[in-house]
Full PDB file with SEQRES, HELIX, SHEET, SSBOND, CRYST1, ORIGX, SCALE, CONECT and MASTER records, all heavy atoms in Angstrom:
SEQRES   1 A   42  LEU LEU ILE PHE CYS ALA LEU ILE THR GLN GLN CYS TYR          
SEQRES   2 A   42  ALA GLN ASN THR ASN ASN ASN TYR PRO ASP TYR LEU GLN          
SEQRES   3 A   42  PRO ASP HIS ALA VAL ASN ALA VAL THR MET VAL MET LEU          
SEQRES   4 A   42  HIS ASP VAL                                                  
HELIX    1 AA1 LEU A    2  CYS A   12  1                                  11    
HELIX    2 AA2 ASP A   23  LEU A   25  5                                   3    
HELIX    3 AA3 PRO A   27  ASP A   41  1                                  15    
CRYST1    1.000    1.000    1.000  90.00  90.00  90.00 P 1           1          
ORIGX1      1.000000  0.000000  0.000000        0.00000                         
ORIGX2      0.000000  1.000000  0.000000        0.00000                         
ORIGX3      0.000000  0.000000  1.000000        0.00000                         
SCALE1      1.000000  0.000000  0.000000        0.00000                         
SCALE2      0.000000  1.000000  0.000000        0.00000                         
SCALE3      0.000000  0.000000  1.000000        0.00000                         
ATOM      1  N   LEU A   1       0.815  -1.200  -0.012  1.00  0.00           N  
ATOM      2  CA  LEU A   1       0.003   0.003   0.003  1.00  0.00           C  
ATOM      3  C   LEU A   1       0.860   1.263  -0.003  1.00  0.00           C  
ATOM      4  O   LEU A   1       0.555   2.236  -0.677  1.00  0.00           O  
ATOM      5  CB  LEU A   1      -0.928  -0.019   1.222  1.00  0.00           C  
ATOM      6  CG  LEU A   1      -2.045  -1.047   1.212  1.00  0.00           C  
ATOM      7  CD1 LEU A   1      -2.845  -0.978   2.502  1.00  0.00           C  
ATOM      8  CD2 LEU A   1      -2.978  -0.861   0.024  1.00  0.00           C  
ATOM      9  N   LEU A   2       1.945   1.225   0.784  1.00  0.00           N  
ATOM     10  CA  LEU A   2       2.822   2.382   0.821  1.00  0.00           C  
ATOM     11  C   LEU A   2       3.478   2.637  -0.526  1.00  0.00           C  
ATOM     12  O   LEU A   2       3.576   3.788  -0.979  1.00  0.00           O  
ATOM     13  CB  LEU A   2       3.912   2.186   1.892  1.00  0.00           C  
ATOM     14  CG  LEU A   2       3.408   2.273   3.359  1.00  0.00           C  
ATOM     15  CD1 LEU A   2       4.549   1.921   4.297  1.00  0.00           C  
ATOM     16  CD2 LEU A   2       2.901   3.670   3.669  1.00  0.00           C  
ATOM     17  N   ILE A   3       3.926   1.577  -1.179  1.00  0.00           N  
ATOM     18  CA  ILE A   3       4.534   1.726  -2.509  1.00  0.00           C  
ATOM     19  C   ILE A   3       3.494   2.235  -3.504  1.00  0.00           C  
ATOM     20  O   ILE A   3       3.772   3.111  -4.345  1.00  0.00           O  
ATOM     21  CB  ILE A   3       5.140   0.412  -2.998  1.00  0.00           C  
ATOM     22  CG1 ILE A   3       6.281  -0.017  -2.072  1.00  0.00           C  
ATOM     23  CG2 ILE A   3       5.688   0.540  -4.423  1.00  0.00           C  
ATOM     24  CD1 ILE A   3       6.843  -1.390  -2.385  1.00  0.00           C  
ATOM     25  N   PHE A   4       2.280   1.681  -3.399  1.00  0.00           N  
ATOM     26  CA  PHE A   4       1.206   2.081  -4.321  1.00  0.00           C  
ATOM     27  C   PHE A   4       0.883   3.566  -4.096  1.00  0.00           C  
ATOM     28  O   PHE A   4       0.676   4.298  -5.049  1.00  0.00           O  
ATOM     29  CB  PHE A   4      -0.020   1.224  -4.081  1.00  0.00           C  
ATOM     30  CG  PHE A   4      -0.973   1.177  -5.244  1.00  0.00           C  
ATOM     31  CD1 PHE A   4      -0.565   0.718  -6.454  1.00  0.00           C  
ATOM     32  CD2 PHE A   4      -2.286   1.610  -5.097  1.00  0.00           C  
ATOM     33  CE1 PHE A   4      -1.402   0.642  -7.533  1.00  0.00           C  
ATOM     34  CE2 PHE A   4      -3.150   1.545  -6.166  1.00  0.00           C  
ATOM     35  CZ  PHE A   4      -2.722   1.063  -7.389  1.00  0.00           C  
ATOM     36  N   CYS A   5       0.866   3.986  -2.815  1.00  0.00           N  
ATOM     37  CA  CYS A   5       0.633   5.408  -2.518  1.00  0.00           C  
ATOM     38  C   CYS A   5       1.693   6.294  -3.145  1.00  0.00           C  
ATOM     39  O   CYS A   5       1.396   7.343  -3.727  1.00  0.00           O  
ATOM     40  CB  CYS A   5       0.629   5.617  -1.000  1.00  0.00           C  
ATOM     41  SG  CYS A   5      -0.881   5.092  -0.175  1.00  0.00           S  
ATOM     42  N   ALA A   6       2.945   5.859  -3.025  1.00  0.00           N  
ATOM     43  CA  ALA A   6       4.048   6.628  -3.585  1.00  0.00           C  
ATOM     44  C   ALA A   6       3.922   6.730  -5.087  1.00  0.00           C  
ATOM     45  O   ALA A   6       4.166   7.790  -5.690  1.00  0.00           O  
ATOM     46  CB  ALA A   6       5.374   5.995  -3.201  1.00  0.00           C  
ATOM     47  N   LEU A   7       3.537   5.624  -5.717  1.00  0.00           N  
ATOM     48  CA  LEU A   7       3.379   5.602  -7.164  1.00  0.00           C  
ATOM     49  C   LEU A   7       2.275   6.533  -7.604  1.00  0.00           C  
ATOM     50  O   LEU A   7       2.408   7.285  -8.567  1.00  0.00           O  
ATOM     51  CB  LEU A   7       3.084   4.160  -7.621  1.00  0.00           C  
ATOM     52  CG  LEU A   7       3.041   3.902  -9.127  1.00  0.00           C  
ATOM     53  CD1 LEU A   7       4.384   4.237  -9.763  1.00  0.00           C  
ATOM     54  CD2 LEU A   7       2.675   2.472  -9.401  1.00  0.00           C  
ATOM     55  N   ILE A   8       1.163   6.490  -6.882  1.00  0.00           N  
ATOM     56  CA  ILE A   8       0.023   7.363  -7.196  1.00  0.00           C  
ATOM     57  C   ILE A   8       0.438   8.819  -7.032  1.00  0.00           C  
ATOM     58  O   ILE A   8       0.136   9.683  -7.864  1.00  0.00           O  
ATOM     59  CB  ILE A   8      -1.168   7.057  -6.292  1.00  0.00           C  
ATOM     60  CG1 ILE A   8      -1.733   5.673  -6.638  1.00  0.00           C  
ATOM     61  CG2 ILE A   8      -2.266   8.097  -6.440  1.00  0.00           C  
ATOM     62  CD1 ILE A   8      -2.737   5.175  -5.631  1.00  0.00           C  
ATOM     63  N   THR A   9       1.128   9.132  -5.890  1.00  0.00           N  
ATOM     64  CA  THR A   9       1.526  10.508  -5.626  1.00  0.00           C  
ATOM     65  C   THR A   9       2.434  11.014  -6.726  1.00  0.00           C  
ATOM     66  O   THR A   9       2.303  12.128  -7.213  1.00  0.00           O  
ATOM     67  CB  THR A   9       2.257  10.592  -4.290  1.00  0.00           C  
ATOM     68  OG1 THR A   9       1.371  10.115  -3.262  1.00  0.00           O  
ATOM     69  CG2 THR A   9       2.650  12.020  -3.986  1.00  0.00           C  
ATOM     70  N   GLN A  10       3.351  10.166  -7.174  1.00  0.00           N  
ATOM     71  CA  GLN A  10       4.256  10.539  -8.245  1.00  0.00           C  
ATOM     72  C   GLN A  10       3.500  10.865  -9.514  1.00  0.00           C  
ATOM     73  O   GLN A  10       3.776  11.825 -10.202  1.00  0.00           O  
ATOM     74  CB  GLN A  10       5.217   9.379  -8.518  1.00  0.00           C  
ATOM     75  CG  GLN A  10       6.205   9.663  -9.680  1.00  0.00           C  
ATOM     76  CD  GLN A  10       7.097   8.481  -9.945  1.00  0.00           C  
ATOM     77  OE1 GLN A  10       7.077   7.496  -9.227  1.00  0.00           O  
ATOM     78  NE2 GLN A  10       7.864   8.564 -11.011  1.00  0.00           N  
ATOM     79  N   GLN A  11       2.455  10.082  -9.798  1.00  0.00           N  
ATOM     80  CA  GLN A  11       1.650  10.331 -10.999  1.00  0.00           C  
ATOM     81  C   GLN A  11       0.837  11.597 -10.858  1.00  0.00           C  
ATOM     82  O   GLN A  11       0.710  12.402 -11.769  1.00  0.00           O  
ATOM     83  CB  GLN A  11       0.717   9.141 -11.262  1.00  0.00           C  
ATOM     84  CG  GLN A  11       1.456   7.879 -11.664  1.00  0.00           C  
ATOM     85  CD  GLN A  11       0.532   6.698 -11.718  1.00  0.00           C  
ATOM     86  OE1 GLN A  11      -0.566   6.740 -11.192  1.00  0.00           O  
ATOM     87  NE2 GLN A  11       0.976   5.649 -12.362  1.00  0.00           N  
ATOM     88  N   CYS A  12       0.263  11.798  -9.660  1.00  0.00           N  
ATOM     89  CA  CYS A  12      -0.643  12.907  -9.457  1.00  0.00           C  
ATOM     90  C   CYS A  12       0.046  14.251  -9.537  1.00  0.00           C  
ATOM     91  O   CYS A  12      -0.561  15.242  -9.929  1.00  0.00           O  
ATOM     92  CB  CYS A  12      -1.348  12.762  -8.110  1.00  0.00           C  
ATOM     93  SG  CYS A  12      -2.576  11.468  -8.101  1.00  0.00           S  
ATOM     94  N   TYR A  13       1.308  14.307  -9.127  1.00  0.00           N  
ATOM     95  CA  TYR A  13       1.992  15.579  -9.105  1.00  0.00           C  
ATOM     96  C   TYR A  13       3.026  15.714 -10.209  1.00  0.00           C  
ATOM     97  O   TYR A  13       3.831  16.632 -10.222  1.00  0.00           O  
ATOM     98  CB  TYR A  13       2.648  15.787  -7.726  1.00  0.00           C  
ATOM     99  CG  TYR A  13       1.596  15.953  -6.659  1.00  0.00           C  
ATOM    100  CD1 TYR A  13       1.194  14.860  -5.888  1.00  0.00           C  
ATOM    101  CD2 TYR A  13       0.958  17.161  -6.510  1.00  0.00           C  
ATOM    102  CE1 TYR A  13       0.201  15.006  -4.943  1.00  0.00           C  
ATOM    103  CE2 TYR A  13      -0.051  17.302  -5.560  1.00  0.00           C  
ATOM    104  CZ  TYR A  13      -0.432  16.223  -4.776  1.00  0.00           C  
ATOM    105  OH  TYR A  13      -1.437  16.344  -3.845  1.00  0.00           O  
ATOM    106  N   ALA A  14       2.978  14.727 -11.142  1.00  0.00           N  
ATOM    107  CA  ALA A  14       3.866  14.857 -12.320  1.00  0.00           C  
ATOM    108  C   ALA A  14       3.431  16.056 -13.145  1.00  0.00           C  
ATOM    109  O   ALA A  14       2.263  16.444 -13.148  1.00  0.00           O  
ATOM    110  CB  ALA A  14       3.773  13.586 -13.145  1.00  0.00           C  
ATOM    111  N   GLN A  15       4.375  16.666 -13.816  1.00  0.00           N  
ATOM    112  CA  GLN A  15       4.043  17.858 -14.600  1.00  0.00           C  
ATOM    113  C   GLN A  15       3.041  17.485 -15.678  1.00  0.00           C  
ATOM    114  O   GLN A  15       3.184  16.531 -16.423  1.00  0.00           O  
ATOM    115  CB  GLN A  15       5.314  18.434 -15.245  1.00  0.00           C  
ATOM    116  CG  GLN A  15       5.064  19.756 -15.968  1.00  0.00           C  
ATOM    117  CD  GLN A  15       6.334  20.344 -16.501  1.00  0.00           C  
ATOM    118  OE1 GLN A  15       7.395  19.713 -16.410  1.00  0.00           O  
ATOM    119  NE2 GLN A  15       6.279  21.527 -17.051  1.00  0.00           N  
ATOM    120  N   ASN A  16       2.025  18.307 -15.795  1.00  0.00           N  
ATOM    121  CA  ASN A  16       0.957  18.040 -16.766  1.00  0.00           C  
ATOM    122  C   ASN A  16       0.811  19.299 -17.623  1.00  0.00           C  
ATOM    123  O   ASN A  16       0.182  20.257 -17.223  1.00  0.00           O  
ATOM    124  CB  ASN A  16      -0.353  17.756 -16.013  1.00  0.00           C  
ATOM    125  CG  ASN A  16      -1.495  17.530 -16.984  1.00  0.00           C  
ATOM    126  OD1 ASN A  16      -1.296  17.298 -18.151  1.00  0.00           O  
ATOM    127  ND2 ASN A  16      -2.708  17.637 -16.454  1.00  0.00           N  
ATOM    128  N   THR A  17       1.421  19.281 -18.795  1.00  0.00           N  
ATOM    129  CA  THR A  17       1.458  20.469 -19.647  1.00  0.00           C  
ATOM    130  C   THR A  17       0.314  20.499 -20.651  1.00  0.00           C  
ATOM    131  O   THR A  17       0.154  21.486 -21.358  1.00  0.00           O  
ATOM    132  CB  THR A  17       2.791  20.514 -20.419  1.00  0.00           C  
ATOM    133  OG1 THR A  17       2.911  19.314 -21.211  1.00  0.00           O  
ATOM    134  CG2 THR A  17       3.966  20.578 -19.481  1.00  0.00           C  
ATOM    135  N   ASN A  18      -0.483  19.415 -20.722  1.00  0.00           N  
ATOM    136  CA  ASN A  18      -1.503  19.340 -21.750  1.00  0.00           C  
ATOM    137  C   ASN A  18      -2.881  19.816 -21.272  1.00  0.00           C  
ATOM    138  O   ASN A  18      -3.785  19.935 -22.046  1.00  0.00           O  
ATOM    139  CB  ASN A  18      -1.624  17.907 -22.239  1.00  0.00           C  
ATOM    140  CG  ASN A  18      -0.363  17.448 -22.933  1.00  0.00           C  
ATOM    141  OD1 ASN A  18       0.087  18.097 -23.857  1.00  0.00           O  
ATOM    142  ND2 ASN A  18       0.214  16.359 -22.467  1.00  0.00           N  
ATOM    143  N   ASN A  19      -3.028  20.051 -19.963  1.00  0.00           N  
ATOM    144  CA  ASN A  19      -4.334  20.422 -19.430  1.00  0.00           C  
ATOM    145  C   ASN A  19      -4.208  21.643 -18.543  1.00  0.00           C  
ATOM    146  O   ASN A  19      -3.157  21.953 -18.004  1.00  0.00           O  
ATOM    147  CB  ASN A  19      -4.921  19.241 -18.618  1.00  0.00           C  
ATOM    148  CG  ASN A  19      -5.084  18.004 -19.489  1.00  0.00           C  
ATOM    149  OD1 ASN A  19      -5.775  18.032 -20.494  1.00  0.00           O  
ATOM    150  ND2 ASN A  19      -4.419  16.926 -19.115  1.00  0.00           N  
ATOM    151  N   ASN A  20      -5.324  22.345 -18.383  1.00  0.00           N  
ATOM    152  CA  ASN A  20      -5.310  23.556 -17.615  1.00  0.00           C  
ATOM    153  C   ASN A  20      -6.012  23.387 -16.281  1.00  0.00           C  
ATOM    154  O   ASN A  20      -6.520  24.347 -15.711  1.00  0.00           O  
ATOM    155  CB  ASN A  20      -5.969  24.708 -18.404  1.00  0.00           C  
ATOM    156  CG  ASN A  20      -7.421  24.386 -18.777  1.00  0.00           C  
ATOM    157  OD1 ASN A  20      -7.924  23.319 -18.441  1.00  0.00           O  
ATOM    158  ND2 ASN A  20      -8.049  25.304 -19.481  1.00  0.00           N  
ATOM    159  N   TYR A  21      -6.037  22.175 -15.744  1.00  0.00           N  
ATOM    160  CA  TYR A  21      -6.602  21.946 -14.429  1.00  0.00           C  
ATOM    161  C   TYR A  21      -5.536  21.356 -13.524  1.00  0.00           C  
ATOM    162  O   TYR A  21      -4.566  20.768 -14.004  1.00  0.00           O  
ATOM    163  CB  TYR A  21      -7.843  21.025 -14.519  1.00  0.00           C  
ATOM    164  CG  TYR A  21      -7.609  19.671 -15.109  1.00  0.00           C  
ATOM    165  CD1 TYR A  21      -7.340  18.570 -14.299  1.00  0.00           C  
ATOM    166  CD2 TYR A  21      -7.684  19.457 -16.478  1.00  0.00           C  
ATOM    167  CE1 TYR A  21      -7.142  17.321 -14.843  1.00  0.00           C  
ATOM    168  CE2 TYR A  21      -7.481  18.203 -17.032  1.00  0.00           C  
ATOM    169  CZ  TYR A  21      -7.224  17.138 -16.192  1.00  0.00           C  
ATOM    170  OH  TYR A  21      -7.031  15.909 -16.733  1.00  0.00           O  
ATOM    171  N   PRO A  22      -5.686  21.528 -12.215  1.00  0.00           N  
ATOM    172  CA  PRO A  22      -4.636  21.089 -11.276  1.00  0.00           C  
ATOM    173  C   PRO A  22      -4.327  19.622 -11.386  1.00  0.00           C  
ATOM    174  O   PRO A  22      -5.214  18.809 -11.661  1.00  0.00           O  
ATOM    175  CB  PRO A  22      -5.238  21.434  -9.913  1.00  0.00           C  
ATOM    176  CG  PRO A  22      -6.246  22.513 -10.176  1.00  0.00           C  
ATOM    177  CD  PRO A  22      -6.814  22.195 -11.513  1.00  0.00           C  
ATOM    178  N   ASP A  23      -3.110  19.256 -11.133  1.00  0.00           N  
ATOM    179  CA  ASP A  23      -2.693  17.879 -11.262  1.00  0.00           C  
ATOM    180  C   ASP A  23      -3.445  16.955 -10.290  1.00  0.00           C  
ATOM    181  O   ASP A  23      -3.707  15.790 -10.615  1.00  0.00           O  
ATOM    182  CB  ASP A  23      -1.193  17.735 -11.032  1.00  0.00           C  
ATOM    183  CG  ASP A  23      -0.381  18.392 -12.128  1.00  0.00           C  
ATOM    184  OD1 ASP A  23      -0.765  18.225 -13.291  1.00  0.00           O  
ATOM    185  OD2 ASP A  23       0.631  19.055 -11.839  1.00  0.00           O  
ATOM    186  N   TYR A  24      -3.810  17.467  -9.135  1.00  0.00           N  
ATOM    187  CA  TYR A  24      -4.511  16.611  -8.181  1.00  0.00           C  
ATOM    188  C   TYR A  24      -5.939  16.300  -8.594  1.00  0.00           C  
ATOM    189  O   TYR A  24      -6.602  15.474  -8.018  1.00  0.00           O  
ATOM    190  CB  TYR A  24      -4.488  17.219  -6.766  1.00  0.00           C  
ATOM    191  CG  TYR A  24      -5.146  18.588  -6.627  1.00  0.00           C  
ATOM    192  CD1 TYR A  24      -6.535  18.741  -6.632  1.00  0.00           C  
ATOM    193  CD2 TYR A  24      -4.372  19.725  -6.468  1.00  0.00           C  
ATOM    194  CE1 TYR A  24      -7.102  19.979  -6.498  1.00  0.00           C  
ATOM    195  CE2 TYR A  24      -4.938  20.983  -6.347  1.00  0.00           C  
ATOM    196  CZ  TYR A  24      -6.322  21.109  -6.339  1.00  0.00           C  
ATOM    197  OH  TYR A  24      -6.890  22.330  -6.221  1.00  0.00           O  
ATOM    198  N   LEU A  25      -6.410  16.960  -9.665  1.00  0.00           N  
ATOM    199  CA  LEU A  25      -7.745  16.682 -10.199  1.00  0.00           C  
ATOM    200  C   LEU A  25      -7.726  15.595 -11.267  1.00  0.00           C  
ATOM    201  O   LEU A  25      -8.754  15.342 -11.894  1.00  0.00           O  
ATOM    202  CB  LEU A  25      -8.351  17.946 -10.771  1.00  0.00           C  
ATOM    203  CG  LEU A  25      -9.367  18.669  -9.896  1.00  0.00           C  
ATOM    204  CD1 LEU A  25      -9.872  19.935 -10.576  1.00  0.00           C  
ATOM    205  CD2 LEU A  25     -10.556  17.782  -9.538  1.00  0.00           C  
ATOM    206  N   GLN A  26      -6.598  14.970 -11.484  1.00  0.00           N  
ATOM    207  CA  GLN A  26      -6.557  13.903 -12.471  1.00  0.00           C  
ATOM    208  C   GLN A  26      -7.502  12.768 -12.010  1.00  0.00           C  
ATOM    209  O   GLN A  26      -7.377  12.274 -10.877  1.00  0.00           O  
ATOM    210  CB  GLN A  26      -5.131  13.346 -12.591  1.00  0.00           C  
ATOM    211  CG  GLN A  26      -4.131  14.297 -13.200  1.00  0.00           C  
ATOM    212  CD  GLN A  26      -4.203  14.307 -14.727  1.00  0.00           C  
ATOM    213  OE1 GLN A  26      -5.012  13.594 -15.317  1.00  0.00           O  
ATOM    214  NE2 GLN A  26      -3.365  15.102 -15.355  1.00  0.00           N  
ATOM    215  N   PRO A  27      -8.430  12.332 -12.844  1.00  0.00           N  
ATOM    216  CA  PRO A  27      -9.399  11.305 -12.433  1.00  0.00           C  
ATOM    217  C   PRO A  27      -8.790  10.010 -11.902  1.00  0.00           C  
ATOM    218  O   PRO A  27      -9.363   9.379 -11.020  1.00  0.00           O  
ATOM    219  CB  PRO A  27     -10.194  11.073 -13.729  1.00  0.00           C  
ATOM    220  CG  PRO A  27     -10.091  12.334 -14.471  1.00  0.00           C  
ATOM    221  CD  PRO A  27      -8.695  12.842 -14.204  1.00  0.00           C  
ATOM    222  N   ASP A  28      -7.624   9.636 -12.443  1.00  0.00           N  
ATOM    223  CA  ASP A  28      -7.070   8.344 -12.008  1.00  0.00           C  
ATOM    224  C   ASP A  28      -6.610   8.379 -10.572  1.00  0.00           C  
ATOM    225  O   ASP A  28      -6.467   7.334  -9.927  1.00  0.00           O  
ATOM    226  CB  ASP A  28      -5.948   7.894 -12.933  1.00  0.00           C  
ATOM    227  CG  ASP A  28      -4.707   8.784 -12.850  1.00  0.00           C  
ATOM    228  OD1 ASP A  28      -4.899  10.018 -12.816  1.00  0.00           O  
ATOM    229  OD2 ASP A  28      -3.598   8.266 -12.849  1.00  0.00           O  
ATOM    230  N   HIS A  29      -6.366   9.568 -10.007  1.00  0.00           N  
ATOM    231  CA  HIS A  29      -6.035   9.651  -8.588  1.00  0.00           C  
ATOM    232  C   HIS A  29      -7.205   9.146  -7.754  1.00  0.00           C  
ATOM    233  O   HIS A  29      -7.017   8.384  -6.781  1.00  0.00           O  
ATOM    234  CB  HIS A  29      -5.701  11.115  -8.243  1.00  0.00           C  
ATOM    235  CG  HIS A  29      -5.239  11.297  -6.833  1.00  0.00           C  
ATOM    236  ND1 HIS A  29      -4.601  10.316  -6.109  1.00  0.00           N  
ATOM    237  CD2 HIS A  29      -5.343  12.381  -6.006  1.00  0.00           C  
ATOM    238  CE1 HIS A  29      -4.319  10.776  -4.895  1.00  0.00           C  
ATOM    239  NE2 HIS A  29      -4.768  12.030  -4.801  1.00  0.00           N  
ATOM    240  N   ALA A  30      -8.409   9.506  -8.110  1.00  0.00           N  
ATOM    241  CA  ALA A  30      -9.605   9.059  -7.386  1.00  0.00           C  
ATOM    242  C   ALA A  30      -9.787   7.554  -7.581  1.00  0.00           C  
ATOM    243  O   ALA A  30     -10.122   6.826  -6.639  1.00  0.00           O  
ATOM    244  CB  ALA A  30     -10.834   9.821  -7.855  1.00  0.00           C  
ATOM    245  N   VAL A  31      -9.616   7.073  -8.830  1.00  0.00           N  
ATOM    246  CA  VAL A  31      -9.785   5.647  -9.102  1.00  0.00           C  
ATOM    247  C   VAL A  31      -8.770   4.825  -8.341  1.00  0.00           C  
ATOM    248  O   VAL A  31      -9.103   3.769  -7.784  1.00  0.00           O  
ATOM    249  CB  VAL A  31      -9.672   5.381 -10.610  1.00  0.00           C  
ATOM    250  CG1 VAL A  31      -9.708   3.874 -10.909  1.00  0.00           C  
ATOM    251  CG2 VAL A  31     -10.806   6.097 -11.369  1.00  0.00           C  
ATOM    252  N   ASN A  32      -7.529   5.284  -8.266  1.00  0.00           N  
ATOM    253  CA  ASN A  32      -6.493   4.570  -7.527  1.00  0.00           C  
ATOM    254  C   ASN A  32      -6.811   4.519  -6.033  1.00  0.00           C  
ATOM    255  O   ASN A  32      -6.510   3.515  -5.367  1.00  0.00           O  
ATOM    256  CB  ASN A  32      -5.126   5.210  -7.770  1.00  0.00           C  
ATOM    257  CG  ASN A  32      -4.591   4.937  -9.165  1.00  0.00           C  
ATOM    258  OD1 ASN A  32      -4.957   3.951  -9.766  1.00  0.00           O  
ATOM    259  ND2 ASN A  32      -3.760   5.833  -9.644  1.00  0.00           N  
ATOM    260  N   ALA A  33      -7.410   5.556  -5.520  1.00  0.00           N  
ATOM    261  CA  ALA A  33      -7.835   5.559  -4.106  1.00  0.00           C  
ATOM    262  C   ALA A  33      -8.894   4.481  -3.893  1.00  0.00           C  
ATOM    263  O   ALA A  33      -8.885   3.780  -2.862  1.00  0.00           O  
ATOM    264  CB  ALA A  33      -8.364   6.950  -3.719  1.00  0.00           C  
ATOM    265  N   VAL A  34      -9.804   4.343  -4.839  1.00  0.00           N  
ATOM    266  CA  VAL A  34     -10.841   3.307  -4.749  1.00  0.00           C  
ATOM    267  C   VAL A  34     -10.177   1.929  -4.816  1.00  0.00           C  
ATOM    268  O   VAL A  34     -10.543   1.010  -4.060  1.00  0.00           O  
ATOM    269  CB  VAL A  34     -11.843   3.468  -5.904  1.00  0.00           C  
ATOM    270  CG1 VAL A  34     -12.864   2.323  -5.903  1.00  0.00           C  
ATOM    271  CG2 VAL A  34     -12.572   4.790  -5.811  1.00  0.00           C  
ATOM    272  N   THR A  35      -9.186   1.771  -5.688  1.00  0.00           N  
ATOM    273  CA  THR A  35      -8.487   0.488  -5.805  1.00  0.00           C  
ATOM    274  C   THR A  35      -7.842   0.084  -4.490  1.00  0.00           C  
ATOM    275  O   THR A  35      -7.867  -1.089  -4.108  1.00  0.00           O  
ATOM    276  CB  THR A  35      -7.413   0.602  -6.895  1.00  0.00           C  
ATOM    277  OG1 THR A  35      -8.027   0.800  -8.177  1.00  0.00           O  
ATOM    278  CG2 THR A  35      -6.570  -0.667  -6.958  1.00  0.00           C  
ATOM    279  N   MET A  36      -7.292   1.021  -3.783  1.00  0.00           N  
ATOM    280  CA  MET A  36      -6.607   0.716  -2.518  1.00  0.00           C  
ATOM    281  C   MET A  36      -7.584   0.165  -1.482  1.00  0.00           C  
ATOM    282  O   MET A  36      -7.257  -0.729  -0.720  1.00  0.00           O  
ATOM    283  CB  MET A  36      -5.874   1.942  -2.010  1.00  0.00           C  
ATOM    284  CG  MET A  36      -4.669   2.317  -2.856  1.00  0.00           C  
ATOM    285  SD  MET A  36      -3.787   3.765  -2.211  1.00  0.00           S  
ATOM    286  CE  MET A  36      -3.197   3.111  -0.680  1.00  0.00           C  
ATOM    287  N   VAL A  37      -8.787   0.712  -1.452  1.00  0.00           N  
ATOM    288  CA  VAL A  37      -9.782   0.213  -0.513  1.00  0.00           C  
ATOM    289  C   VAL A  37     -10.236  -1.185  -0.934  1.00  0.00           C  
ATOM    290  O   VAL A  37     -10.429  -2.070  -0.071  1.00  0.00           O  
ATOM    291  CB  VAL A  37     -10.989   1.169  -0.404  1.00  0.00           C  
ATOM    292  CG1 VAL A  37     -12.063   0.570   0.502  1.00  0.00           C  
ATOM    293  CG2 VAL A  37     -10.548   2.516   0.135  1.00  0.00           C  
ATOM    294  N   MET A  38     -10.393  -1.414  -2.242  1.00  0.00           N  
ATOM    295  CA  MET A  38     -10.757  -2.756  -2.703  1.00  0.00           C  
ATOM    296  C   MET A  38      -9.633  -3.759  -2.404  1.00  0.00           C  
ATOM    297  O   MET A  38      -9.902  -4.915  -2.110  1.00  0.00           O  
ATOM    298  CB  MET A  38     -11.100  -2.733  -4.192  1.00  0.00           C  
ATOM    299  CG  MET A  38     -12.471  -2.143  -4.474  1.00  0.00           C  
ATOM    300  SD  MET A  38     -13.112  -2.636  -6.068  1.00  0.00           S  
ATOM    301  CE  MET A  38     -12.479  -1.341  -7.099  1.00  0.00           C  
ATOM    302  N   LEU A  39      -8.397  -3.300  -2.498  1.00  0.00           N  
ATOM    303  CA  LEU A  39      -7.270  -4.166  -2.138  1.00  0.00           C  
ATOM    304  C   LEU A  39      -7.358  -4.557  -0.663  1.00  0.00           C  
ATOM    305  O   LEU A  39      -7.170  -5.716  -0.316  1.00  0.00           O  
ATOM    306  CB  LEU A  39      -5.967  -3.401  -2.399  1.00  0.00           C  
ATOM    307  CG  LEU A  39      -4.648  -4.138  -2.208  1.00  0.00           C  
ATOM    308  CD1 LEU A  39      -4.478  -5.237  -3.261  1.00  0.00           C  
ATOM    309  CD2 LEU A  39      -3.474  -3.136  -2.302  1.00  0.00           C  
ATOM    310  N   HIS A  40      -7.708  -3.610   0.155  1.00  0.00           N  
ATOM    311  CA  HIS A  40      -7.887  -3.871   1.597  1.00  0.00           C  
ATOM    312  C   HIS A  40      -9.006  -4.875   1.822  1.00  0.00           C  
ATOM    313  O   HIS A  40      -8.893  -5.771   2.684  1.00  0.00           O  
ATOM    314  CB  HIS A  40      -8.191  -2.565   2.315  1.00  0.00           C  
ATOM    315  CG  HIS A  40      -8.626  -2.723   3.732  1.00  0.00           C  
ATOM    316  ND1 HIS A  40      -9.958  -2.943   4.091  1.00  0.00           N  
ATOM    317  CD2 HIS A  40      -7.929  -2.690   4.901  1.00  0.00           C  
ATOM    318  CE1 HIS A  40     -10.049  -3.059   5.406  1.00  0.00           C  
ATOM    319  NE2 HIS A  40      -8.844  -2.908   5.921  1.00  0.00           N  
ATOM    320  N   ASP A  41     -10.090  -4.737   1.055  1.00  0.00           N  
ATOM    321  CA  ASP A  41     -11.282  -5.569   1.267  1.00  0.00           C  
ATOM    322  C   ASP A  41     -11.198  -6.956   0.584  1.00  0.00           C  
ATOM    323  O   ASP A  41     -12.102  -7.770   0.724  1.00  0.00           O  
ATOM    324  CB  ASP A  41     -12.530  -4.860   0.751  1.00  0.00           C  
ATOM    325  CG  ASP A  41     -12.981  -3.720   1.664  1.00  0.00           C  
ATOM    326  OD1 ASP A  41     -12.520  -3.695   2.826  1.00  0.00           O  
ATOM    327  OD2 ASP A  41     -13.767  -2.870   1.225  1.00  0.00           O  
ATOM    328  N   VAL A  42     -10.146  -7.195  -0.190  1.00  0.00           N  
ATOM    329  CA  VAL A  42      -9.975  -8.421  -0.979  1.00  0.00           C  
ATOM    330  C   VAL A  42     -11.240  -8.671  -1.838  1.00  0.00           C  
ATOM    331  O   VAL A  42     -11.889  -9.709  -1.748  1.00  0.00           O  
ATOM    332  CB  VAL A  42      -9.719  -9.647  -0.055  1.00  0.00           C  
ATOM    333  CG1 VAL A  42      -9.234 -10.831  -0.902  1.00  0.00           C  
ATOM    334  CG2 VAL A  42      -8.698  -9.337   1.011  1.00  0.00           C  
TER     335      VAL A  42                                                      
MASTER        0    0    0    3    0    0    0    6  334    1    0    4          
END                                                                             
C-alpha cells in the first residue's frame, strides 16, 4: 500500500502540460484511491 501510494503521488503531481486543471484533479487519482480500498477488502 505504501509503494502504491508513492506511485500514485508521483503520478498525481507529475508535470501536466496538456491540461489547464490542477494535477490533483486527475481522475485516475480518485480511481486509484478506490483500488486501494478494494485491495484492503480483498
